[in-house]
Amino acid sequence: MAEFMTVEGLPQDVVARVAGLSVRRRWGAALTVCLGLFLLGLDLTVLNVAVPDLRDDLNASMRQTQWIVDAYVLALGGLVLTSGGLTDRLGRRRAFVAGLVVCTVSSAAGGLVHSLGQIIATRAAMGVGAALLMPATLCVITDLFPDPGPRRSAIALWAAVGGLGGACGPVVGGRLVETTSWRAAFWINIPIAVLAIVLALALVPADPPRSSLPRPRFDVPGAVLSASGLLVLVWTVIESPGRGWTDPLTLGAYAVAGLLLAGFLVVEHRSAAPVLPLTLVRPARVSTAAVALAMMSFALFGALFVITLYLQGVLGYTPWQAGVRVLPLPGGLMAGAAISLWVTSCRGEKTGVLLGLITVVGAFGFLSYTSAESGYGRLLVFLVLSGAGAGLTAATTTACVMNGVPPSHAGLGSSVNDATRQVGAALGVAVQGSLLSSAYTSHLDDTFAHAASPLPLTSSTRPTTCCRQRRLPTGYRREHVSGCARRRRTRSYTGCRMRRSPRPP
């Protein structure tokens, strides 16, 4: 164990806590925190396939649906920078367990509420708990494996499990929705969180007394500005399709978001104890990796939100069938994370990041040719390629960030890595969901503009019309009818013109 004593910059209390641990104990602790990360990733997407049932039950619109998904991601991304400092103040294991407790209580509440606002609030509370535990997971990994070789393998495992949780969310959610209800998507968190707490208390090294931990000043202005800036930005992106992209309120909200985020950078530059030390992200190795990770999360999580709607609303799959058909994505993620070990050791981190991003871009280029008649085959290719590229990118960029910061700032480095990932995911869901809503409205405009006259509603078309309208979720049906009304056309014309592709074999 002498190798752990010679790692430059490693705090002595960390050396003392890990020096006597066996290899089995270290990997057991690593798997424990990865279980917490799996739960976090699961919550990112577990409600995606439950959205149609949830919309029908709560009569929610498309924008409200986006808030159900984004409330969790936004709370996580907006608070994870602040929680990095709290992890250093509380201790790794304490922060991890506290985050799991918050997630457990919030999940129990989410399965019992009955209104849309309450669900959004419980999802946001779950995001707060996730923001507390997420930096702790990567901090424990870096503490347990200070040597570059084992640390690279552990970080690859961490990245693969995180992606696996997000990719398995639709499968788990789909099965739960079909066998019980969408509320089970909240309750499934409870046994996983309790198991992770028990294992953490048994395997993760205990924290030193709180009196011996650093107690830096808390940057309240920075925390408020970062969280409020992200909140205003995501709110504006989600609301823009309904209000109009050039509406004065929309433009004003974008300006407010820009001012808040600019103010955050100014405050962080002048603060004695900033939430985000700019010197930490100034090295090109760290900043470039963070940007690449944010871009990958933006593309992948936004696409996953849209794909689950496509599988159910266009191809006609049930929630369980849709979830199963997303499984190639986690397979690709795990393969990409495994490949990252070989690529980075042979070709370097830069090659790994570039190769991963190029693969993701190629997958999206292939997906851009998908239509309602394409079926599942084209989507299968996209899921495999994008998963492999995302796994390679996530593992390599995370290693770049964590190896680019001093060990004494592992909590802040983990927060930077986590914040970029979650902010990218939140904006991805908001932007791609809003573009989907805008494209739908634009399609109605084009359809009505090219129609010389309404199509007659005959006895042969009337049953089809009613059937098509009933297949739409309640919230979408309301938006569809209101969109038709705004364009002063009849619902009968719209019902006759709508088509839904049959489910492929």
Protein backbone atom coordinates (compact mmCIF):
# COMPACT_ATOMS: atom_id res chain seq x y z
CA MET A 1 0.00 0.00 0.00
CA ALA A 2 3.00 2.30 -0.03
CA GLU A 3 2.03 3.50 -3.49
CA PHE A 4 -0.84 5.46 -2.02
CA MET A 5 1.53 7.38 0.21
CA THR A 6 3.51 8.76 -2.70
CA VAL A 7 0.72 10.30 -4.76
CA GLU A 8 1.51 13.97 -5.03
CA GLY A 9 -1.09 16.32 -3.60
CA LEU A 10 -3.24 13.68 -1.94
CA PRO A 11 -4.51 14.89 1.46
CA GLN A 12 -3.04 12.98 4.38
CA ASP A 13 -6.45 12.17 5.87
CA VAL A 14 -7.40 10.49 2.60
CA VAL A 15 -4.12 8.55 2.60
CA ALA A 16 -4.83 7.31 6.11
CA ARG A 17 -8.37 6.21 5.28
CA VAL A 18 -7.58 4.25 2.12
CA ALA A 19 -4.11 2.90 2.88
CA GLY A 20 -5.37 -0.03 4.92
CA LEU A 21 -8.22 -1.03 2.61
CA SER A 22 -8.01 -4.22 0.62
CA VAL A 23 -8.57 -4.21 -3.13
CA ARG A 24 -11.88 -6.02 -2.63
CA ARG A 25 -13.05 -3.43 -0.10
CA ARG A 26 -12.11 -0.54 -2.39
CA TRP A 27 -13.98 -2.01 -5.36
CA GLY A 28 -16.94 -2.83 -3.11
CA ALA A 29 -17.10 0.79 -2.02
CA ALA A 30 -16.77 1.91 -5.64
CA LEU A 31 -19.67 -0.31 -6.69
CA THR A 32 -21.72 1.07 -3.80
CA VAL A 33 -21.39 4.68 -4.90
CA CYS A 34 -22.00 3.55 -8.48
CA LEU A 35 -25.30 2.09 -7.27
CA GLY A 36 -26.24 5.55 -6.05
CA LEU A 37 -25.22 6.97 -9.41
CA PHE A 38 -27.33 4.32 -11.16
CA LEU A 39 -30.33 5.50 -9.14
CA LEU A 40 -29.61 9.07 -10.14
CA GLY A 41 -29.43 8.16 -13.82
CA LEU A 42 -32.56 6.04 -13.54
CA ASP A 43 -34.52 9.01 -12.23
CA LEU A 44 -33.41 11.10 -15.20
CA THR A 45 -35.39 8.98 -17.66
CA VAL A 46 -37.67 6.59 -15.76
CA LEU A 47 -40.70 8.82 -16.32
CA ASN A 48 -40.10 9.27 -20.05
CA VAL A 49 -42.19 6.28 -21.11
CA ALA A 50 -44.72 7.02 -18.36
CA VAL A 51 -45.41 10.44 -19.87
CA PRO A 52 -48.47 9.40 -21.95
CA ASP A 53 -50.20 7.75 -18.96
CA LEU A 54 -49.22 10.58 -16.67
CA ARG A 55 -50.56 13.14 -19.16
CA ASP A 56 -53.88 11.35 -19.38
CA ASP A 57 -54.16 11.05 -15.61
CA LEU A 58 -53.26 14.68 -14.91
CA ASN A 59 -54.47 16.27 -18.17
CA ALA A 60 -51.01 17.76 -18.79
CA SER A 61 -49.83 19.60 -21.90
CA MET A 62 -46.54 19.18 -23.76
CA ARG A 63 -44.89 22.08 -21.90
CA GLN A 64 -46.05 20.75 -18.54
CA THR A 65 -44.68 17.34 -19.47
CA GLN A 66 -41.30 18.90 -20.15
CA TRP A 67 -41.35 20.44 -16.68
CA ILE A 68 -42.00 17.06 -15.06
CA VAL A 69 -38.83 15.77 -16.71
CA ASP A 70 -36.77 18.94 -16.43
CA ALA A 71 -37.59 19.84 -12.80
CA TYR A 72 -35.35 17.01 -11.64
CA VAL A 73 -32.53 17.77 -14.07
CA LEU A 74 -32.70 21.51 -13.46
CA ALA A 75 -32.49 21.17 -9.67
CA LEU A 76 -29.62 18.74 -10.08
CA GLY A 77 -27.71 20.88 -12.55
CA GLY A 78 -28.37 24.16 -10.76
CA LEU A 79 -27.30 22.97 -7.31
CA VAL A 80 -24.53 20.49 -8.06
CA LEU A 81 -21.87 23.22 -8.08
CA THR A 82 -22.91 24.32 -4.61
CA SER A 83 -23.13 20.76 -3.34
CA GLY A 84 -19.50 20.14 -4.31
CA GLY A 85 -18.45 22.51 -1.56
CA LEU A 86 -20.94 20.94 0.83
CA THR A 87 -19.39 17.55 0.11
CA ASP A 88 -16.04 18.86 1.30
CA ARG A 89 -17.69 20.34 4.41
CA LEU A 90 -19.82 17.33 5.36
CA GLY A 91 -17.55 14.52 4.24
CA ARG A 92 -17.89 12.10 1.34
CA ARG A 93 -19.96 9.39 2.99
CA ARG A 94 -22.18 11.78 4.93
CA ALA A 95 -23.05 13.72 1.77
CA PHE A 96 -23.73 10.51 -0.15
CA VAL A 97 -26.04 9.10 2.52
CA ALA A 98 -27.80 12.44 3.05
CA GLY A 99 -28.51 12.71 -0.67
CA LEU A 100 -29.96 9.19 -0.71
CA VAL A 101 -32.21 10.01 2.25
CA VAL A 102 -33.58 13.10 0.47
CA CYS A 103 -34.19 11.05 -2.69
CA THR A 104 -35.98 8.35 -0.69
CA VAL A 105 -38.35 10.76 1.07
CA SER A 106 -39.05 12.70 -2.14
CA SER A 107 -39.74 9.50 -4.08
CA ALA A 108 -42.22 8.32 -1.46
CA ALA A 109 -43.98 11.68 -1.64
CA GLY A 110 -43.99 11.63 -5.45
CA GLY A 111 -45.90 8.37 -5.49
CA LEU A 112 -48.63 9.79 -3.26
CA VAL A 113 -49.35 13.23 -4.73
CA HIS A 114 -52.30 13.95 -7.02
CA SER A 115 -51.63 17.24 -8.81
CA LEU A 116 -49.24 18.32 -11.52
CA GLY A 117 -47.65 21.01 -9.36
CA GLN A 118 -46.99 18.55 -6.56
CA ILE A 119 -45.31 16.11 -8.94
CA ILE A 120 -43.07 18.84 -10.31
CA ALA A 121 -42.19 19.87 -6.74
CA THR A 122 -41.31 16.31 -5.69
CA ARG A 123 -39.22 15.85 -8.83
CA ALA A 124 -37.34 19.03 -7.97
CA ALA A 125 -36.78 17.75 -4.42
CA MET A 126 -35.39 14.52 -5.84
CA GLY A 127 -33.02 16.65 -7.91
CA VAL A 128 -31.82 18.37 -4.74
CA GLY A 129 -30.97 15.00 -3.20
CA ALA A 130 -29.26 13.89 -6.39
CA ALA A 131 -27.21 17.10 -6.44
CA LEU A 132 -25.97 16.29 -2.95
CA LEU A 133 -24.98 12.69 -3.62
CA MET A 134 -23.59 12.98 -7.16
CA PRO A 135 -20.32 14.84 -6.39
CA ALA A 136 -19.76 12.49 -3.46
CA THR A 137 -19.76 9.47 -5.79
CA LEU A 138 -16.87 10.72 -7.88
CA CYS A 139 -15.00 12.02 -4.83
CA VAL A 140 -15.12 8.57 -3.24
CA ILE A 141 -13.82 7.06 -6.50
CA THR A 142 -10.87 9.45 -6.68
CA ASP A 143 -10.07 8.92 -3.00
CA LEU A 144 -10.14 5.14 -3.29
CA PHE A 145 -7.99 5.01 -6.44
CA PRO A 146 -5.35 7.76 -6.36
CA ASP A 147 -3.07 5.81 -8.70
CA PRO A 148 -3.79 6.81 -12.36
CA GLY A 149 -4.19 3.25 -13.69
CA PRO A 150 -6.85 1.92 -11.30
CA ARG A 151 -8.49 5.34 -11.20
CA ARG A 152 -8.95 5.30 -14.97
CA SER A 153 -10.70 1.93 -14.75
CA ALA A 154 -12.87 3.08 -11.84
CA ILE A 155 -13.90 6.27 -13.65
CA ALA A 156 -14.78 4.24 -16.75
CA LEU A 157 -16.98 2.05 -14.53
CA TRP A 158 -18.52 5.18 -12.98
CA ALA A 159 -19.33 6.67 -16.39
CA ALA A 160 -20.74 3.38 -17.70
CA VAL A 161 -23.02 2.88 -14.69
CA GLY A 162 -24.27 6.46 -14.85
CA GLY A 163 -25.17 6.07 -18.50
CA LEU A 164 -26.63 2.63 -17.84
CA GLY A 165 -29.00 4.04 -15.24
CA GLY A 166 -30.28 6.69 -17.62
CA ALA A 167 -30.66 4.24 -20.47
CA CYS A 168 -32.44 1.63 -18.32
CA GLY A 169 -34.96 4.19 -17.09
CA PRO A 170 -37.36 3.70 -20.02
CA VAL A 171 -37.24 -0.10 -19.62
CA VAL A 172 -37.93 -0.01 -15.89
CA GLY A 173 -40.52 2.73 -16.24
CA GLY A 174 -42.29 0.95 -19.07
CA ARG A 175 -42.61 -2.29 -17.13
CA LEU A 176 -43.84 -0.51 -14.02
CA VAL A 177 -46.41 1.53 -15.95
CA GLU A 178 -47.87 -1.56 -17.61
CA THR A 179 -48.00 -3.70 -14.47
CA THR A 180 -49.03 -1.02 -11.95
CA SER A 181 -49.13 2.72 -12.70
CA TRP A 182 -46.84 5.67 -13.30
CA ARG A 183 -46.60 6.14 -9.51
CA ALA A 184 -44.43 3.03 -9.29
CA ALA A 185 -41.76 4.97 -11.20
CA PHE A 186 -41.31 6.93 -7.96
CA TRP A 187 -41.59 4.00 -5.55
CA ILE A 188 -38.92 1.94 -7.31
CA ASN A 189 -36.33 4.35 -5.93
CA ILE A 190 -37.00 3.45 -2.31
CA PRO A 191 -35.55 -0.11 -2.15
CA ILE A 192 -32.57 0.88 -4.31
CA ALA A 193 -31.79 3.88 -2.11
CA VAL A 194 -32.14 1.89 1.13
CA LEU A 195 -29.79 -0.80 -0.20
CA ALA A 196 -27.25 1.85 -1.21
CA ILE A 197 -27.41 3.44 2.26
CA VAL A 198 -26.79 0.11 3.99
CA LEU A 199 -23.87 -0.74 1.72
CA ALA A 200 -22.38 2.74 2.09
CA LEU A 201 -22.36 2.50 5.87
CA ALA A 202 -20.68 -0.90 5.62
CA LEU A 203 -18.15 -0.39 2.80
CA VAL A 204 -17.42 3.28 2.13
CA PRO A 205 -14.61 4.59 4.39
CA ALA A 206 -15.87 6.65 7.30
CA ASP A 207 -15.40 10.41 7.19
CA PRO A 208 -13.14 12.18 9.66
CA PRO A 209 -14.78 14.22 12.44
CA ARG A 210 -16.54 17.29 11.07
CA SER A 211 -14.41 19.51 13.28
CA SER A 212 -11.35 18.49 11.24
CA LEU A 213 -12.97 19.16 7.87
CA PRO A 214 -12.47 22.49 6.07
CA ARG A 215 -15.22 25.06 6.53
CA PRO A 216 -14.90 27.52 3.68
CA ARG A 217 -17.25 30.47 3.32
CA PHE A 218 -20.45 29.76 1.46
CA ASP A 219 -20.89 31.78 -1.73
CA VAL A 220 -24.59 32.66 -1.43
CA PRO A 221 -24.68 35.22 -4.29
CA GLY A 222 -22.96 32.82 -6.66
CA ALA A 223 -25.29 29.95 -5.78
CA VAL A 224 -28.40 32.12 -6.21
CA LEU A 225 -27.26 33.61 -9.51
CA SER A 226 -26.28 30.26 -11.05
CA ALA A 227 -29.49 28.48 -10.05
CA SER A 228 -31.79 31.37 -11.00
CA GLY A 229 -30.01 31.95 -14.32
CA LEU A 230 -30.41 28.31 -15.32
CA LEU A 231 -34.03 28.27 -14.15
CA VAL A 232 -34.96 31.33 -16.22
CA LEU A 233 -33.12 29.97 -19.26
CA VAL A 234 -34.81 26.56 -19.19
CA TRP A 235 -38.22 28.12 -18.46
CA THR A 236 -37.86 30.39 -21.48
CA VAL A 237 -36.82 27.58 -23.80
CA ILE A 238 -39.78 25.43 -22.72
CA GLU A 239 -42.33 28.25 -22.94
CA SER A 240 -41.08 29.74 -26.21
CA PRO A 241 -43.14 27.54 -28.60
CA GLY A 242 -46.40 28.46 -26.91
CA ARG A 243 -45.69 32.16 -26.51
CA GLY A 244 -43.70 32.61 -29.70
CA TRP A 245 -39.94 32.76 -30.15
CA THR A 246 -40.07 36.51 -30.91
CA ASP A 247 -42.63 37.39 -28.24
CA PRO A 248 -41.44 40.35 -26.09
CA LEU A 249 -41.73 38.26 -22.92
CA THR A 250 -39.65 35.50 -24.50
CA LEU A 251 -36.93 37.88 -25.64
CA GLY A 252 -36.95 39.65 -22.28
CA ALA A 253 -36.62 36.35 -20.42
CA TYR A 254 -33.63 35.37 -22.56
CA ALA A 255 -32.04 38.72 -21.73
CA VAL A 256 -32.67 38.22 -18.00
CA ALA A 257 -31.14 34.74 -18.13
CA GLY A 258 -28.08 36.12 -19.90
CA LEU A 259 -27.68 38.89 -17.32
CA LEU A 260 -28.01 36.47 -14.40
CA LEU A 261 -25.42 34.08 -15.82
CA ALA A 262 -23.08 36.96 -16.68
CA GLY A 263 -23.49 38.25 -13.14
CA PHE A 264 -22.62 34.79 -11.85
CA LEU A 265 -19.31 34.88 -13.73
CA VAL A 266 -18.53 38.36 -12.37
CA VAL A 267 -19.32 37.31 -8.80
CA GLU A 268 -17.23 34.16 -9.11
CA HIS A 269 -14.30 36.19 -10.42
CA ARG A 270 -14.39 38.47 -7.37
CA SER A 271 -15.48 36.03 -4.65
CA ALA A 272 -12.98 34.86 -2.05
CA ALA A 273 -14.71 31.45 -1.85
CA PRO A 274 -16.52 30.99 -5.18
CA VAL A 275 -18.95 28.22 -5.96
CA LEU A 276 -17.05 27.70 -9.21
CA PRO A 277 -13.39 28.77 -8.99
CA LEU A 278 -12.67 30.00 -12.50
CA THR A 279 -9.03 29.04 -12.09
CA LEU A 280 -10.18 25.44 -11.79
CA VAL A 281 -11.74 25.40 -15.27
CA ARG A 282 -9.23 27.72 -16.92
CA PRO A 283 -6.87 24.93 -18.09
CA ALA A 284 -7.80 23.92 -21.63
CA ARG A 285 -7.82 20.25 -20.64
CA VAL A 286 -10.61 20.80 -18.10
CA SER A 287 -12.69 23.40 -19.95
CA THR A 288 -12.64 21.57 -23.28
CA ALA A 289 -13.62 18.29 -21.64
CA ALA A 290 -16.47 19.99 -19.77
CA VAL A 291 -17.83 21.58 -22.95
CA ALA A 292 -17.62 18.27 -24.83
CA LEU A 293 -19.49 16.49 -22.02
CA ALA A 294 -22.21 19.15 -22.00
CA MET A 295 -22.67 18.88 -25.77
CA MET A 296 -22.94 15.10 -25.60
CA SER A 297 -25.51 15.24 -22.77
CA PHE A 298 -27.50 17.92 -24.61
CA ALA A 299 -27.78 15.73 -27.69
CA LEU A 300 -28.33 12.34 -26.07
CA PHE A 301 -30.80 13.10 -23.27
CA GLY A 302 -32.85 15.44 -25.44
CA ALA A 303 -33.04 12.79 -28.15
CA LEU A 304 -34.00 10.10 -25.62
CA PHE A 305 -36.96 12.25 -24.50
CA VAL A 306 -38.16 12.62 -28.10
CA ILE A 307 -37.45 8.99 -29.04
CA THR A 308 -39.68 7.60 -26.29
CA LEU A 309 -42.52 9.76 -27.62
CA TYR A 310 -41.76 8.57 -31.17
CA LEU A 311 -41.81 4.91 -30.18
CA GLN A 312 -45.20 5.20 -28.49
CA GLY A 313 -46.93 7.98 -30.39
CA VAL A 314 -45.77 7.14 -33.94
CA LEU A 315 -44.72 3.48 -34.00
CA GLY A 316 -47.49 2.48 -31.60
CA TYR A 317 -45.49 0.54 -29.00
CA THR A 318 -46.64 0.15 -25.41
CA PRO A 319 -44.50 1.69 -22.63
CA TRP A 320 -42.85 -1.68 -21.92
CA GLN A 321 -42.18 -2.38 -25.59
CA ALA A 322 -40.78 1.12 -26.05
CA GLY A 323 -38.48 0.70 -23.06
CA VAL A 324 -37.15 -2.63 -24.31
CA ARG A 325 -36.38 -1.10 -27.69
CA VAL A 326 -34.19 1.52 -26.04
CA LEU A 327 -31.96 -1.20 -24.52
CA PRO A 328 -29.34 -1.03 -27.31
CA LEU A 329 -28.40 2.37 -25.94
CA PRO A 330 -27.01 1.12 -22.58
CA GLY A 331 -25.28 -1.69 -24.44
CA GLY A 332 -23.53 0.88 -26.58
CA LEU A 333 -22.72 2.99 -23.54
CA MET A 334 -20.99 0.13 -21.76
CA ALA A 335 -19.08 -0.81 -24.90
CA GLY A 336 -17.97 2.79 -25.39
CA ALA A 337 -16.79 3.10 -21.79
CA ALA A 338 -14.79 -0.12 -22.14
CA ILE A 339 -13.26 1.04 -25.42
CA SER A 340 -12.22 4.31 -23.76
CA LEU A 341 -9.64 2.45 -21.65
CA TRP A 342 -7.86 1.17 -24.76
CA VAL A 343 -8.20 4.40 -26.74
CA THR A 344 -6.88 6.68 -24.00
CA SER A 345 -3.99 4.40 -23.10
CA CYS A 346 -2.91 3.94 -26.73
CA ARG A 347 -3.94 7.18 -28.42
CA GLY A 348 -4.47 9.65 -25.59
CA GLU A 349 -7.45 11.48 -24.12
CA LYS A 350 -7.81 13.94 -27.00
CA THR A 351 -8.31 11.13 -29.50
CA GLY A 352 -10.87 9.50 -27.22
CA VAL A 353 -12.96 12.67 -26.93
CA LEU A 354 -12.82 13.40 -30.66
CA LEU A 355 -13.67 9.84 -31.63
CA GLY A 356 -16.61 9.77 -29.23
CA LEU A 357 -18.05 13.07 -30.45
CA ILE A 358 -17.61 12.14 -34.11
CA THR A 359 -19.50 8.90 -33.48
CA VAL A 360 -22.36 10.77 -31.79
CA VAL A 361 -22.53 13.32 -34.62
CA GLY A 362 -22.57 10.54 -37.20
CA ALA A 363 -25.38 8.78 -35.34
CA PHE A 364 -27.50 11.94 -35.30
CA GLY A 365 -26.80 12.51 -38.98
CA PHE A 366 -28.11 9.02 -39.66
CA LEU A 367 -31.16 9.66 -37.45
CA SER A 368 -32.01 12.88 -39.31
CA TYR A 369 -33.33 10.79 -42.22
CA THR A 370 -35.88 9.05 -39.99
CA SER A 371 -39.56 9.50 -40.81
CA ALA A 372 -42.84 8.08 -39.56
CA GLU A 373 -42.49 5.27 -42.10
CA SER A 374 -38.89 4.34 -41.22
CA GLY A 375 -39.78 1.84 -38.52
CA TYR A 376 -37.49 0.67 -35.73
CA GLY A 377 -34.50 -0.50 -37.78
CA ARG A 378 -33.04 2.96 -38.39
CA LEU A 379 -33.59 3.85 -34.74
CA LEU A 380 -31.74 0.70 -33.65
CA VAL A 381 -28.62 1.75 -35.54
CA PHE A 382 -28.80 5.20 -33.97
CA LEU A 383 -29.12 3.83 -30.44
CA VAL A 384 -26.07 1.58 -30.78
CA LEU A 385 -23.85 4.22 -32.41
CA SER A 386 -24.89 7.10 -30.17
CA GLY A 387 -24.53 4.93 -27.06
CA ALA A 388 -21.01 3.87 -28.00
CA GLY A 389 -19.99 7.45 -28.78
CA ALA A 390 -21.56 8.77 -25.58
CA GLY A 391 -19.88 6.11 -23.43
CA LEU A 392 -16.49 6.87 -24.97
CA THR A 393 -16.99 10.62 -24.58
CA ALA A 394 -18.31 10.51 -21.00
CA ALA A 395 -15.57 8.24 -19.66
CA THR A 396 -12.77 10.17 -21.36
CA THR A 397 -13.99 13.66 -20.50
CA THR A 398 -14.63 12.70 -16.87
CA ALA A 399 -11.08 11.39 -16.59
CA CYS A 400 -9.79 14.62 -18.17
CA VAL A 401 -11.63 16.77 -15.64
CA MET A 402 -10.73 14.74 -12.55
CA ASN A 403 -7.08 14.30 -13.56
CA GLY A 404 -6.84 17.99 -14.38
CA VAL A 405 -7.73 19.27 -10.89
CA PRO A 406 -5.70 18.91 -7.67
CA PRO A 407 -6.79 16.04 -5.39
CA SER A 408 -7.62 18.58 -2.68
CA HIS A 409 -10.26 20.05 -5.02
CA ALA A 410 -11.79 16.73 -6.05
CA GLY A 411 -15.22 17.83 -4.80
CA LEU A 412 -15.22 20.95 -6.95
CA GLY A 413 -13.84 19.02 -9.92
CA SER A 414 -16.61 16.48 -9.57
CA SER A 415 -19.15 19.30 -9.35
CA VAL A 416 -17.88 20.85 -12.57
CA ASN A 417 -18.12 17.49 -14.32
CA ASP A 418 -21.59 16.80 -12.96
CA ALA A 419 -22.93 20.31 -13.58
CA THR A 420 -21.92 20.33 -17.23
CA ARG A 421 -23.50 16.92 -17.75
CA GLN A 422 -26.81 17.81 -16.08
CA VAL A 423 -27.12 21.34 -17.46
CA GLY A 424 -26.55 19.91 -20.92
CA ALA A 425 -29.24 17.28 -20.29
CA ALA A 426 -31.74 19.87 -18.98
CA LEU A 427 -31.22 22.15 -21.96
CA GLY A 428 -31.37 19.16 -24.31
CA VAL A 429 -34.82 18.12 -23.07
CA ALA A 430 -36.02 21.73 -23.10
CA VAL A 431 -34.68 22.66 -26.53
CA GLN A 432 -35.49 19.44 -28.38
CA GLY A 433 -38.91 19.18 -26.77
CA SER A 434 -39.63 22.79 -27.73
CA LEU A 435 -38.43 22.22 -31.29
CA LEU A 436 -40.74 19.21 -31.49
CA SER A 437 -43.66 21.34 -30.33
CA SER A 438 -42.78 24.11 -32.78
CA ALA A 439 -42.42 21.64 -35.66
CA TYR A 440 -45.84 20.19 -34.89
CA THR A 441 -47.42 23.65 -34.91
CA SER A 442 -45.57 24.56 -38.11
CA HIS A 443 -46.85 21.37 -39.75
CA LEU A 444 -50.40 22.40 -38.93
CA ASP A 445 -49.73 25.81 -40.47
CA ASP A 446 -48.40 24.26 -43.68
CA THR A 447 -51.23 21.76 -43.88
CA PHE A 448 -53.90 24.43 -43.54
CA ALA A 449 -52.13 26.83 -45.89
CA HIS A 450 -52.05 24.28 -48.73
CA ALA A 451 -55.63 23.13 -48.26
CA ALA A 452 -58.03 24.56 -50.82
CA SER A 453 -61.04 23.48 -48.81
CA PRO A 454 -61.85 21.27 -45.86
CA LEU A 455 -62.19 17.60 -46.68
CA PRO A 456 -65.73 16.27 -46.30
CA LEU A 457 -66.40 14.14 -43.29
CA THR A 458 -68.17 11.07 -44.63
CA SER A 459 -69.53 8.07 -42.86
CA SER A 460 -66.43 6.11 -43.90
CA THR A 461 -64.03 8.61 -42.39
CA ARG A 462 -65.94 9.44 -39.21
CA PRO A 463 -64.95 6.31 -37.20
CA THR A 464 -61.31 6.79 -38.18
CA THR A 465 -61.45 10.40 -37.06
CA CYS A 466 -62.76 9.51 -33.62
CA CYS A 467 -60.23 6.70 -33.28
CA ARG A 468 -57.29 8.94 -34.18
CA GLN A 469 -58.35 11.62 -31.73
CA ARG A 470 -58.80 9.15 -28.91
CA ARG A 471 -55.29 7.80 -29.46
CA LEU A 472 -53.83 11.20 -28.69
CA PRO A 473 -53.05 11.79 -24.99
CA THR A 474 -55.46 14.20 -23.34
CA GLY A 475 -52.94 17.03 -23.07
CA TYR A 476 -51.82 16.65 -26.68
CA ARG A 477 -55.42 16.38 -27.86
CA ARG A 478 -56.18 19.70 -26.17
CA GLU A 479 -53.15 21.33 -27.78
CA HIS A 480 -54.09 19.87 -31.14
CA VAL A 481 -57.65 21.20 -30.98
CA SER A 482 -56.55 24.63 -29.77
CA GLY A 483 -54.00 24.79 -32.57
CA CYS A 484 -56.72 24.06 -35.09
CA ALA A 485 -59.00 26.67 -33.54
CA ARG A 486 -56.32 29.33 -33.70
CA ARG A 487 -56.12 28.74 -37.44
CA ARG A 488 -59.93 28.91 -37.84
CA ARG A 489 -60.27 25.44 -39.32
CA THR A 490 -62.63 22.71 -38.23
CA ARG A 491 -61.67 19.69 -36.17
CA SER A 492 -63.30 17.44 -38.71
CA TYR A 493 -60.77 18.49 -41.34
CA THR A 494 -57.89 17.84 -38.97
CA GLY A 495 -59.23 14.46 -37.93
CA CYS A 496 -59.50 13.32 -41.53
CA ARG A 497 -56.01 14.49 -42.43
CA MET A 498 -54.15 12.96 -39.49
CA ARG A 499 -52.41 9.64 -40.09
CA ARG A 500 -50.57 7.34 -37.75
CA SER A 501 -48.13 4.74 -39.01
CA PRO A 502 -48.82 1.09 -38.15
CA ARG A 503 -46.48 -0.58 -35.72
CA PRO A 504 -43.79 -2.52 -37.55
CA PRO A 505 -43.53 -6.26 -36.94
